[in-house]
Amino acid sequence: MFGKKINLFKLFGFQVAIDWSWLIIAVLIAWSLSTGFFPSYFEDLPARTYWWMGIIGALGLFLSIIFHEMSHSLVARKYGISMRGITLFIFGGMAEMSDEPPSPKAEFMMAAVGPVSSIVIAGIFYAVYSAGVSAGIPRPVNGVIQYLAFINGLLAAFNIIPAFPLDGGRVLRSILWGIKGNLRWATRISSWIGSGFGVLLIVLGVLNFFGGNFIGGMWWFLIGMFLYSAAKMSYQQL
């Protein structure tokens, strides 16, 4: 799943790194925001301003994902799970565990805190955005803050989908594991659902692509491909 990594810094004792694949995605995100998202919602701004908004928006997403993954890592530490660090890679990030969680409860708590953290940071950004509207903060600045509120809410919603290896899929696995006491069986069921969801996104991407929504179709297709392969690889590794 991972290629070569670039170590960035340590936070709370965890090494934070990026995979080379994330650099490509970061450029695509900045491009998508600068040429599609921000011009659509904030009209009549200079092209240079859109590019600055796109770059800062991509950086804000980068920091949001670190916050999300750090919450996983801190809860994992509480339950005695050894963590190698946090790596940002294509389409997201991963708190890298040295082993599987020791119990269904540990996995449930570690998985559930991710979407909760994204909801919290989405709420903070939305509060800042609302205050900015009243205070008359310039549109480009408040536009980026609004985007970060939106994208963190979207990350929370997407991650609670019960499709392994998303956080919702890990919550589902913890519940199945707790019911039957069989981690391999729980992983197999969760992985099947994750693979099926990946195929659904691939189909959605193709339909959007041929329907004229090139950027949206590209993202759905690539995310679907990633989830499909990640779900299968996770079960094979177990």
Protein backbone atom coordinates (compact mmCIF):
# COMPACT_ATOMS: atom_id res chain seq x y z
CA MET A 1 0.00 0.00 0.00
CA PHE A 2 2.81 2.38 0.77
CA GLY A 3 5.84 3.53 -1.16
CA LYS A 4 8.74 5.64 0.06
CA LYS A 5 7.98 7.94 2.97
CA ILE A 6 9.18 11.40 3.88
CA ASN A 7 9.43 11.98 7.63
CA LEU A 8 8.14 15.43 8.56
CA PHE A 9 8.04 15.88 12.34
CA LYS A 10 7.10 14.24 15.63
CA LEU A 11 3.90 15.06 17.52
CA PHE A 12 3.16 13.66 21.00
CA GLY A 13 5.92 11.14 20.36
CA PHE A 14 4.45 9.90 17.05
CA GLN A 15 6.41 10.23 13.82
CA VAL A 16 4.36 12.02 11.15
CA ALA A 17 5.31 11.23 7.55
CA ILE A 18 3.88 11.50 4.05
CA ASP A 19 3.95 8.89 1.36
CA TRP A 20 5.10 10.08 -2.07
CA SER A 21 1.60 9.31 -3.39
CA TRP A 22 0.15 12.02 -1.13
CA LEU A 23 2.20 14.70 -2.89
CA ILE A 24 0.41 13.86 -6.14
CA ILE A 25 -2.98 13.97 -4.46
CA ALA A 26 -2.12 17.28 -2.73
CA VAL A 27 -1.42 18.85 -6.13
CA LEU A 28 -4.69 17.44 -7.52
CA ILE A 29 -6.64 18.76 -4.52
CA ALA A 30 -5.13 22.25 -4.86
CA TRP A 31 -5.88 22.19 -8.60
CA SER A 32 -9.48 20.99 -8.08
CA LEU A 33 -10.14 23.67 -5.47
CA SER A 34 -8.51 26.44 -7.49
CA THR A 35 -10.15 25.68 -10.84
CA GLY A 36 -13.46 24.14 -9.77
CA PHE A 37 -14.69 24.45 -6.19
CA PHE A 38 -13.76 28.01 -5.23
CA PRO A 39 -14.58 29.66 -8.60
CA SER A 40 -18.02 28.00 -8.48
CA TYR A 41 -18.92 29.22 -4.99
CA PHE A 42 -16.98 32.50 -4.85
CA GLU A 43 -17.37 34.25 -8.19
CA ASP A 44 -15.53 37.23 -9.64
CA LEU A 45 -12.23 36.81 -7.80
CA PRO A 46 -8.82 37.00 -9.52
CA ALA A 47 -7.34 33.70 -10.74
CA ARG A 48 -4.34 34.25 -8.49
CA THR A 49 -6.64 34.48 -5.45
CA TYR A 50 -8.30 31.17 -6.37
CA TRP A 51 -4.88 29.50 -6.49
CA TRP A 52 -3.94 30.85 -3.07
CA MET A 53 -7.29 29.64 -1.71
CA GLY A 54 -6.70 26.22 -3.25
CA ILE A 55 -3.19 25.88 -1.83
CA ILE A 56 -4.22 27.00 1.67
CA GLY A 57 -7.31 24.78 1.51
CA ALA A 58 -5.15 21.76 0.62
CA LEU A 59 -2.80 22.60 3.51
CA GLY A 60 -5.78 22.89 5.88
CA LEU A 61 -7.00 19.47 4.74
CA PHE A 62 -3.50 18.10 5.39
CA LEU A 63 -3.59 19.41 8.98
CA SER A 64 -7.16 18.15 9.47
CA ILE A 65 -6.16 14.62 8.48
CA ILE A 66 -3.23 14.75 10.91
CA PHE A 67 -5.65 15.80 13.67
CA HIS A 68 -7.97 12.92 12.74
CA GLU A 69 -5.20 10.32 12.72
CA MET A 70 -3.60 11.70 15.88
CA SER A 71 -6.86 11.09 17.73
CA HIS A 72 -6.68 7.43 16.66
CA SER A 73 -3.08 7.20 17.84
CA LEU A 74 -3.70 8.75 21.25
CA VAL A 75 -6.60 6.38 21.99
CA ALA A 76 -4.51 3.44 20.73
CA ARG A 77 -1.73 4.42 23.14
CA LYS A 78 -4.26 4.47 25.98
CA TYR A 79 -5.16 0.85 25.21
CA GLY A 80 -1.52 -0.21 25.02
CA ILE A 81 -1.40 -0.62 21.24
CA SER A 82 2.08 -0.02 19.84
CA MET A 83 2.01 2.64 17.10
CA ARG A 84 4.75 3.11 14.50
CA GLY A 85 3.52 6.57 13.54
CA ILE A 86 1.15 8.41 11.21
CA THR A 87 1.54 8.36 7.45
CA LEU A 88 -0.44 10.45 5.00
CA PHE A 89 -0.87 8.58 1.74
CA ILE A 90 -3.11 8.58 -1.30
CA PHE A 91 -6.66 9.64 -0.28
CA GLY A 92 -6.04 10.04 3.41
CA GLY A 93 -3.91 8.92 6.31
CA MET A 94 -3.28 5.97 8.55
CA ALA A 95 -2.26 5.53 12.15
CA GLU A 96 0.13 2.61 11.69
CA MET A 97 -0.35 -0.10 14.31
CA SER A 98 2.34 -2.69 14.98
CA ASP A 99 -0.37 -5.28 15.63
CA GLU A 100 -4.14 -5.71 15.64
CA PRO A 101 -6.09 -4.22 18.58
CA PRO A 102 -6.11 -6.50 21.65
CA SER A 103 -9.90 -6.49 22.08
CA PRO A 104 -13.16 -5.46 20.37
CA LYS A 105 -13.54 -2.58 22.84
CA ALA A 106 -10.08 -1.22 22.02
CA GLU A 107 -10.82 -1.30 18.29
CA PHE A 108 -14.26 0.28 18.77
CA MET A 109 -12.92 3.17 20.82
CA MET A 110 -9.94 3.74 18.54
CA ALA A 111 -12.10 3.73 15.38
CA ALA A 112 -14.99 5.80 16.77
CA VAL A 113 -12.79 8.69 17.92
CA GLY A 114 -11.77 9.49 14.33
CA PRO A 115 -15.17 10.71 13.03
CA VAL A 116 -15.82 12.41 16.38
CA SER A 117 -12.59 14.40 16.03
CA SER A 118 -13.55 15.45 12.49
CA ILE A 119 -16.98 16.59 13.70
CA VAL A 120 -15.35 18.63 16.46
CA ILE A 121 -12.93 20.39 14.11
CA ALA A 122 -15.74 20.95 11.56
CA GLY A 123 -17.74 22.66 14.31
CA ILE A 124 -14.80 24.85 15.25
CA PHE A 125 -14.24 25.95 11.65
CA TYR A 126 -17.95 26.62 11.18
CA ALA A 127 -18.03 28.77 14.32
CA VAL A 128 -15.04 30.75 13.04
CA TYR A 129 -16.71 31.10 9.63
CA SER A 130 -19.96 32.37 11.19
CA ALA A 131 -18.04 34.86 13.30
CA GLY A 132 -16.13 35.92 10.18
CA VAL A 133 -19.36 36.69 8.31
CA SER A 134 -20.44 39.01 11.12
CA ALA A 135 -16.98 40.58 11.42
CA GLY A 136 -16.66 41.21 7.69
CA ILE A 137 -13.60 38.99 7.10
CA PRO A 138 -12.57 39.09 3.40
CA ARG A 139 -14.41 36.57 1.21
CA PRO A 140 -11.30 34.58 0.20
CA VAL A 141 -10.26 34.03 3.82
CA ASN A 142 -13.73 33.13 5.02
CA GLY A 143 -14.23 30.98 1.93
CA VAL A 144 -11.29 28.76 2.87
CA ILE A 145 -12.58 28.51 6.46
CA GLN A 146 -16.02 27.55 5.17
CA TYR A 147 -14.46 24.90 2.94
CA LEU A 148 -12.54 23.42 5.89
CA ALA A 149 -15.74 23.23 7.93
CA PHE A 150 -17.45 21.49 5.01
CA ILE A 151 -14.63 19.05 4.21
CA ASN A 152 -14.19 17.97 7.82
CA GLY A 153 -17.92 17.33 8.10
CA LEU A 154 -17.71 15.35 4.87
CA LEU A 155 -14.73 13.36 6.20
CA ALA A 156 -16.70 12.49 9.32
CA ALA A 157 -19.75 11.41 7.30
CA PHE A 158 -17.68 9.39 4.83
CA ASN A 159 -15.68 7.67 7.56
CA ILE A 160 -18.73 6.40 9.47
CA ILE A 161 -19.84 4.35 6.44
CA PRO A 162 -19.50 0.70 7.62
CA ALA A 163 -17.03 -0.23 4.87
CA PHE A 164 -13.67 -1.59 6.02
CA PRO A 165 -11.02 -0.14 6.33
CA LEU A 166 -12.94 3.12 6.94
CA ASP A 167 -13.55 3.94 10.60
CA GLY A 168 -17.16 2.83 10.30
CA GLY A 169 -15.96 -0.49 8.91
CA ARG A 170 -13.63 -0.91 11.88
CA VAL A 171 -16.51 -0.15 14.25
CA LEU A 172 -18.54 -2.82 12.45
CA ARG A 173 -15.63 -5.26 12.72
CA SER A 174 -15.32 -4.60 16.45
CA ILE A 175 -19.03 -5.34 16.92
CA LEU A 176 -18.88 -8.55 14.86
CA TRP A 177 -15.68 -9.53 16.68
CA GLY A 178 -17.38 -8.97 20.03
CA ILE A 179 -20.45 -11.01 19.01
CA LYS A 180 -18.64 -14.08 17.70
CA GLY A 181 -15.18 -13.73 19.23
CA ASN A 182 -13.54 -14.43 15.88
CA LEU A 183 -11.36 -11.62 14.46
CA ARG A 184 -10.73 -13.35 11.13
CA TRP A 185 -14.43 -13.91 10.48
CA ALA A 186 -15.25 -10.32 11.47
CA THR A 187 -12.51 -9.01 9.17
CA ARG A 188 -13.73 -11.14 6.26
CA ILE A 189 -17.30 -9.83 6.53
CA SER A 190 -16.16 -6.22 6.97
CA SER A 191 -13.76 -6.54 4.02
CA TRP A 192 -16.50 -7.90 1.75
CA ILE A 193 -18.63 -4.87 2.57
CA GLY A 194 -15.66 -2.56 2.04
CA SER A 195 -14.89 -4.12 -1.35
CA GLY A 196 -18.54 -3.85 -2.41
CA PHE A 197 -18.63 -0.18 -1.43
CA GLY A 198 -15.44 0.39 -3.42
CA VAL A 199 -17.06 -1.15 -6.52
CA LEU A 200 -20.11 1.08 -6.00
CA LEU A 201 -17.90 4.19 -5.98
CA ILE A 202 -16.08 3.00 -9.12
CA VAL A 203 -19.41 2.66 -10.94
CA LEU A 204 -20.52 6.06 -9.63
CA GLY A 205 -17.26 7.56 -10.89
CA VAL A 206 -17.72 6.10 -14.37
CA LEU A 207 -21.31 7.37 -14.57
CA ASN A 208 -20.24 10.87 -13.47
CA PHE A 209 -17.35 10.86 -15.92
CA PHE A 210 -19.54 10.03 -18.92
CA GLY A 211 -22.20 12.40 -17.60
CA GLY A 212 -19.81 15.32 -18.02
CA ASN A 213 -18.61 15.67 -14.42
CA PHE A 214 -14.97 14.89 -15.14
CA ILE A 215 -13.43 16.03 -11.82
CA GLY A 216 -16.12 14.45 -9.64
CA GLY A 217 -16.03 11.23 -11.63
CA MET A 218 -12.24 11.05 -11.38
CA TRP A 219 -12.33 11.40 -7.58
CA TRP A 220 -15.09 8.82 -7.05
CA PHE A 221 -13.33 6.34 -9.37
CA LEU A 222 -9.93 6.72 -7.70
CA ILE A 223 -11.34 6.55 -4.15
CA GLY A 224 -13.36 3.47 -5.12
CA MET A 225 -10.27 1.76 -6.53
CA PHE A 226 -8.33 2.56 -3.37
CA LEU A 227 -11.05 1.27 -0.99
CA TYR A 228 -11.54 -1.90 -3.03
CA SER A 229 -7.83 -2.79 -2.97
CA ALA A 230 -7.35 -1.66 0.66
CA ALA A 231 -10.23 -3.84 1.89
CA LYS A 232 -8.87 -6.93 0.14
CA MET A 233 -5.28 -6.28 1.23
CA SER A 234 -6.30 -5.76 4.88
CA TYR A 235 -7.90 -9.20 5.03
CA GLN A 236 -4.97 -10.83 3.24
CA GLN A 237 -2.51 -9.25 5.69
CA LEU A 238 -4.52 -10.55 8.66
